Amino acid sequence: MKNRKIVITGASKGIGKAIAKKFAQDDCEIYLVSSNKKTLQKASKEINEGNNSKIYYFASNLKTEQGCKDVILDINNNFSDLDTIIFSAGDTKSGDFLSQPINDFFDGFDLKFYSVVRLLKGLWEKLKQNKGWIVAINGQMANTPNPYFTVGGAVNSALENLCKALSKKGIEDNVNINVIHPGMTSTDRLISIIQANAERENISFDQAKENALKLTGLDRFSTPEEVAELTYFLCKENVRHINGTSITLDGGI
């Protein structure tokens, strides 16, 4: 991974930050994108501890067309020879389908789907020139419909379809594309989902957490570091025939 230049969205916390830490161990140049500048500054210092990786960061709202344009412009000016993009931004909301606001659907697609479309339209030629890699951190609900997670399921399915389609173009342009579907992973986002379940079922957070684990049959949730290890593996030069693939990382449930 020496001399690699990695763009990571949703990089200030959770899975995105864990992925950045993994690549930083090889002293890669890393470009972090998230919406909160202060959180990015803090994350960049943490990611840079104990290594010589060069960290760039840019705060932007990827839910908007202008936010994506701003990122593309800054990358073209300051990180133009990127070879890898990891898409980890996404915070789709759970809730009962009938009572959930329709804006939750728009919000979910804007961040997790349309940002990928916009950024790849703007940066595809860079990836083509450098025979690059794309990994989308998606979610197991792409293939596991749930009436309390219709936003996430719909967004994840759309993103998986997009990446599979673009992997065909990637064969022509020498761009490698894969998708990872994490299951329930120990992040702030999982905490918010469990809290929503607790409120909906009128039970304690600890009980909702216990119920979630019991439902899966597992003794623990996945970790961001496990997702980071798989992401790193998929970006290695010697496994490029893993292309157009979706890999589920959920403990086997």
Protein backbone atom coordinates (compact mmCIF):
# COMPACT_ATOMS: atom_id res chain seq x y z
CA MET A 1 0.00 0.00 0.00
CA LYS A 2 3.00 2.32 -0.05
CA ASN A 3 2.41 5.53 -2.03
CA ARG A 4 -1.34 4.87 -2.27
CA LYS A 5 -3.73 7.85 -2.13
CA ILE A 6 -7.05 7.05 -0.47
CA VAL A 7 -10.25 9.12 -0.30
CA ILE A 8 -12.62 8.07 2.51
CA THR A 9 -16.09 9.54 3.04
CA GLY A 10 -17.81 9.38 6.42
CA ALA A 11 -14.27 9.27 7.79
CA SER A 12 -14.55 11.15 11.08
CA LYS A 13 -15.96 8.28 13.14
CA GLY A 14 -17.04 4.66 13.21
CA ILE A 15 -16.21 2.41 10.29
CA GLY A 16 -14.79 5.22 8.13
CA LYS A 17 -12.29 6.23 10.81
CA ALA A 18 -11.29 2.61 11.44
CA ILE A 19 -10.60 2.19 7.71
CA ALA A 20 -8.48 5.34 7.67
CA LYS A 21 -6.47 4.05 10.65
CA LYS A 22 -5.81 0.78 8.84
CA PHE A 23 -4.47 2.46 5.71
CA ALA A 24 -2.48 4.95 7.79
CA GLN A 25 -0.43 2.05 9.17
CA ASP A 26 1.14 1.83 5.70
CA ASP A 27 1.84 5.58 5.58
CA CYS A 28 -0.66 6.13 2.77
CA GLU A 29 -1.84 9.62 1.90
CA ILE A 30 -5.42 9.83 3.08
CA TYR A 31 -8.13 12.36 2.27
CA LEU A 32 -10.93 12.40 4.86
CA VAL A 33 -14.40 13.72 4.08
CA SER A 34 -17.18 14.38 6.58
CA SER A 35 -19.65 17.14 7.38
CA ASN A 36 -18.19 18.36 10.68
CA LYS A 37 -14.84 20.16 10.55
CA LYS A 38 -14.09 19.90 14.28
CA THR A 39 -14.77 16.16 14.30
CA LEU A 40 -12.57 15.76 11.23
CA GLN A 41 -9.72 17.68 12.86
CA LYS A 42 -9.90 15.46 15.93
CA ALA A 43 -10.13 12.29 13.84
CA SER A 44 -7.18 13.28 11.64
CA LYS A 45 -4.92 13.67 14.67
CA GLU A 46 -6.03 10.31 16.06
CA ILE A 47 -5.52 8.58 12.70
CA ASN A 48 -2.05 10.10 12.37
CA GLU A 49 -0.76 8.79 15.70
CA GLY A 50 2.16 6.37 15.38
CA ASN A 51 2.60 6.62 11.62
CA ASN A 52 3.91 8.90 8.88
CA SER A 53 0.74 9.00 6.83
CA LYS A 54 -0.12 12.37 5.31
CA ILE A 55 -3.68 13.29 6.23
CA TYR A 56 -5.86 15.77 4.36
CA TYR A 57 -9.42 16.54 5.37
CA PHE A 58 -12.32 18.47 3.92
CA ALA A 59 -15.62 19.23 5.62
CA SER A 60 -18.61 19.21 3.29
CA ASN A 61 -22.28 18.24 3.24
CA LEU A 62 -22.38 15.33 0.79
CA LYS A 63 -26.17 15.33 0.89
CA THR A 64 -26.13 18.31 -1.46
CA GLU A 65 -25.02 18.73 -5.05
CA GLN A 66 -22.91 21.74 -4.07
CA GLY A 67 -21.25 19.83 -1.26
CA CYS A 68 -20.18 17.11 -3.68
CA LYS A 69 -18.96 19.69 -6.20
CA ASP A 70 -16.87 21.34 -3.48
CA VAL A 71 -15.22 18.01 -2.60
CA ILE A 72 -14.48 17.22 -6.25
CA LEU A 73 -12.95 20.65 -6.77
CA ASP A 74 -10.77 20.39 -3.68
CA ILE A 75 -9.61 16.89 -4.62
CA ASN A 76 -8.73 18.08 -8.12
CA ASN A 77 -6.71 20.93 -6.60
CA ASN A 78 -5.04 19.13 -3.68
CA PHE A 79 -5.32 15.35 -4.11
CA SER A 80 -5.57 14.92 -7.85
CA ASP A 81 -3.75 11.60 -8.29
CA LEU A 82 -5.99 9.58 -5.98
CA ASP A 83 -6.22 5.87 -6.71
CA THR A 84 -8.83 4.65 -4.21
CA ILE A 85 -12.22 5.80 -2.92
CA ILE A 86 -13.91 4.24 0.10
CA PHE A 87 -17.55 5.27 0.49
CA SER A 88 -18.53 5.03 4.16
CA ALA A 89 -20.90 7.98 4.55
CA GLY A 90 -24.45 7.07 5.41
CA ASP A 91 -26.86 7.47 8.29
CA THR A 92 -30.23 6.17 7.15
CA LYS A 93 -32.94 6.34 9.79
CA SER A 94 -34.96 3.44 11.12
CA GLY A 95 -38.66 3.65 11.92
CA ASP A 96 -42.09 2.24 11.21
CA PHE A 97 -42.89 2.61 7.51
CA LEU A 98 -46.34 4.11 7.96
CA SER A 99 -45.34 6.75 10.50
CA GLN A 100 -41.83 7.54 9.27
CA PRO A 101 -41.52 10.93 7.51
CA ILE A 102 -41.05 10.73 3.74
CA ASN A 103 -38.11 13.11 4.10
CA ASP A 104 -36.17 10.31 5.79
CA PHE A 105 -36.13 8.56 2.41
CA PHE A 106 -34.87 11.65 0.59
CA ASP A 107 -32.26 12.24 3.28
CA GLY A 108 -31.02 8.65 3.14
CA PHE A 109 -30.69 8.58 -0.63
CA ASP A 110 -29.04 12.02 -0.76
CA LEU A 111 -26.17 11.01 1.52
CA LYS A 112 -25.57 7.34 0.84
CA PHE A 113 -26.60 6.99 -2.82
CA TYR A 114 -26.55 10.30 -4.67
CA SER A 115 -23.24 11.36 -3.12
CA VAL A 116 -21.67 8.20 -4.58
CA VAL A 117 -23.21 8.94 -7.98
CA ARG A 118 -22.00 12.54 -7.95
CA LEU A 119 -18.49 11.84 -6.69
CA LEU A 120 -17.92 8.98 -9.12
CA LYS A 121 -19.14 11.05 -12.05
CA GLY A 122 -16.63 13.71 -11.06
CA LEU A 123 -13.70 11.45 -10.16
CA TRP A 124 -14.06 8.39 -12.40
CA GLU A 125 -11.45 9.58 -14.90
CA LYS A 126 -8.90 9.94 -12.08
CA LEU A 127 -9.59 6.37 -11.01
CA LYS A 128 -9.38 5.17 -14.60
CA GLN A 129 -6.00 6.87 -15.11
CA ASN A 130 -4.60 5.25 -11.97
CA LYS A 131 -6.25 1.82 -12.36
CA GLY A 132 -8.04 2.47 -9.11
CA TRP A 133 -10.19 0.85 -6.48
CA ILE A 134 -13.67 1.58 -5.11
CA VAL A 135 -15.17 0.00 -2.02
CA ALA A 136 -18.69 0.91 -0.86
CA ILE A 137 -19.49 0.21 2.81
CA ASN A 138 -23.16 -0.61 2.47
CA GLY A 139 -25.27 -2.83 4.76
CA GLN A 140 -26.84 -6.27 5.05
CA MET A 141 -30.34 -4.76 4.84
CA ALA A 142 -29.76 -4.50 1.10
CA ASN A 143 -30.94 -8.10 0.94
CA THR A 144 -32.85 -8.43 4.22
CA PRO A 145 -36.05 -6.35 4.04
CA ASN A 146 -37.42 -5.11 7.34
CA PRO A 147 -40.55 -2.99 7.88
CA TYR A 148 -38.70 -0.93 10.50
CA PHE A 149 -35.72 -0.22 8.23
CA THR A 150 -37.29 0.44 4.83
CA VAL A 151 -35.16 3.54 4.21
CA GLY A 152 -31.88 1.74 4.79
CA GLY A 153 -32.98 -1.35 2.89
CA ALA A 154 -34.03 0.65 -0.16
CA VAL A 155 -30.90 2.81 -0.17
CA ASN A 156 -28.60 -0.16 0.32
CA SER A 157 -30.25 -2.11 -2.49
CA ALA A 158 -29.88 0.84 -4.85
CA LEU A 159 -26.22 1.32 -3.94
CA GLU A 160 -25.45 -2.37 -4.42
CA ASN A 161 -27.10 -2.31 -7.85
CA LEU A 162 -25.17 0.81 -8.87
CA CYS A 163 -21.82 -0.68 -7.84
CA LYS A 164 -22.54 -3.97 -9.60
CA ALA A 165 -23.43 -2.09 -12.77
CA LEU A 166 -20.32 0.10 -12.58
CA SER A 167 -18.13 -2.95 -12.04
CA LYS A 168 -18.92 -3.85 -15.67
CA LYS A 169 -17.63 -0.44 -16.73
CA GLY A 170 -14.74 -1.00 -14.36
CA ILE A 171 -13.68 -4.03 -16.40
CA GLU A 172 -13.40 -1.75 -19.44
CA ASP A 173 -11.65 1.06 -17.56
CA ASN A 174 -9.52 -1.02 -15.17
CA VAL A 175 -11.33 0.22 -12.05
CA ASN A 176 -11.98 -2.35 -9.33
CA ILE A 177 -15.32 -2.10 -7.46
CA ASN A 178 -16.64 -4.11 -4.53
CA VAL A 179 -19.28 -3.73 -1.81
CA ILE A 180 -19.14 -4.70 1.85
CA HIS A 181 -22.36 -5.35 3.76
CA PRO A 182 -21.62 -5.01 7.48
CA GLY A 183 -24.17 -6.41 9.86
CA MET A 184 -24.78 -4.89 13.28
CA THR A 185 -21.47 -3.16 14.00
CA SER A 186 -20.42 -1.44 17.23
CA THR A 187 -20.67 2.22 16.19
CA ASP A 188 -22.56 5.33 17.27
CA ARG A 189 -25.04 4.51 14.52
CA LEU A 190 -25.82 1.11 16.05
CA ILE A 191 -26.41 2.81 19.39
CA SER A 192 -28.95 5.13 17.76
CA ILE A 193 -30.74 2.18 16.11
CA ILE A 194 -30.93 0.23 19.38
CA GLN A 195 -32.16 3.36 21.18
CA ALA A 196 -34.91 3.78 18.57
CA ASN A 197 -35.90 0.13 19.05
CA ALA A 198 -35.99 0.64 22.82
CA GLU A 199 -38.25 3.66 22.49
CA ARG A 200 -40.54 1.95 20.01
CA GLU A 201 -40.88 -1.14 22.23
CA ASN A 202 -40.95 0.88 25.48
CA ILE A 203 -38.04 -1.04 27.01
CA SER A 204 -34.60 -0.09 28.34
CA PHE A 205 -31.59 0.39 26.09
CA ASP A 206 -29.81 -2.58 27.71
CA GLN A 207 -32.83 -4.81 27.11
CA ALA A 208 -33.05 -3.68 23.48
CA LYS A 209 -29.35 -4.43 23.03
CA GLU A 210 -29.76 -7.86 24.58
CA ASN A 211 -32.76 -8.53 22.33
CA ALA A 212 -30.79 -7.53 19.24
CA LEU A 213 -27.99 -9.96 20.05
CA LYS A 214 -30.43 -12.70 20.98
CA LEU A 215 -32.20 -12.27 17.66
CA THR A 216 -28.94 -12.80 15.75
CA GLY A 217 -27.77 -15.72 17.84
CA LEU A 218 -24.35 -14.09 18.14
CA ASP A 219 -22.42 -13.31 21.31
CA ARG A 220 -21.24 -9.90 20.10
CA PHE A 221 -21.66 -7.31 17.36
CA SER A 222 -19.11 -6.84 14.58
CA THR A 223 -16.39 -4.22 15.06
CA PRO A 224 -15.35 -1.34 12.78
CA GLU A 225 -11.86 -2.84 12.73
CA GLU A 226 -13.18 -6.04 11.14
CA VAL A 227 -14.74 -4.01 8.34
CA ALA A 228 -11.47 -2.09 7.97
CA GLU A 229 -9.49 -5.32 7.57
CA LEU A 230 -11.78 -6.52 4.78
CA THR A 231 -11.72 -3.12 3.06
CA TYR A 232 -7.92 -3.10 3.13
CA PHE A 233 -7.79 -6.61 1.68
CA LEU A 234 -10.10 -5.70 -1.21
CA CYS A 235 -7.81 -2.79 -2.13
CA LYS A 236 -4.71 -4.94 -2.56
CA GLU A 237 -3.16 -5.22 -6.00
CA ASN A 238 -2.97 -9.02 -5.90
CA VAL A 239 -6.71 -9.62 -5.43
CA ARG A 240 -8.10 -7.50 -8.26
CA HIS A 241 -10.07 -10.44 -9.65
CA ILE A 242 -12.38 -9.92 -6.70
CA ASN A 243 -14.50 -7.42 -8.64
CA GLY A 244 -18.21 -6.63 -8.77
CA THR A 245 -18.70 -8.63 -5.57
CA SER A 246 -20.75 -7.98 -2.44
CA ILE A 247 -19.37 -9.49 0.75
CA THR A 248 -21.51 -9.73 3.88
CA LEU A 249 -19.72 -9.32 7.20
CA ASP A 250 -22.33 -10.10 9.84
CA GLY A 251 -21.10 -13.16 11.75
CA GLY A 252 -23.09 -15.51 9.53
CA ILE A 253 -26.64 -14.57 10.47
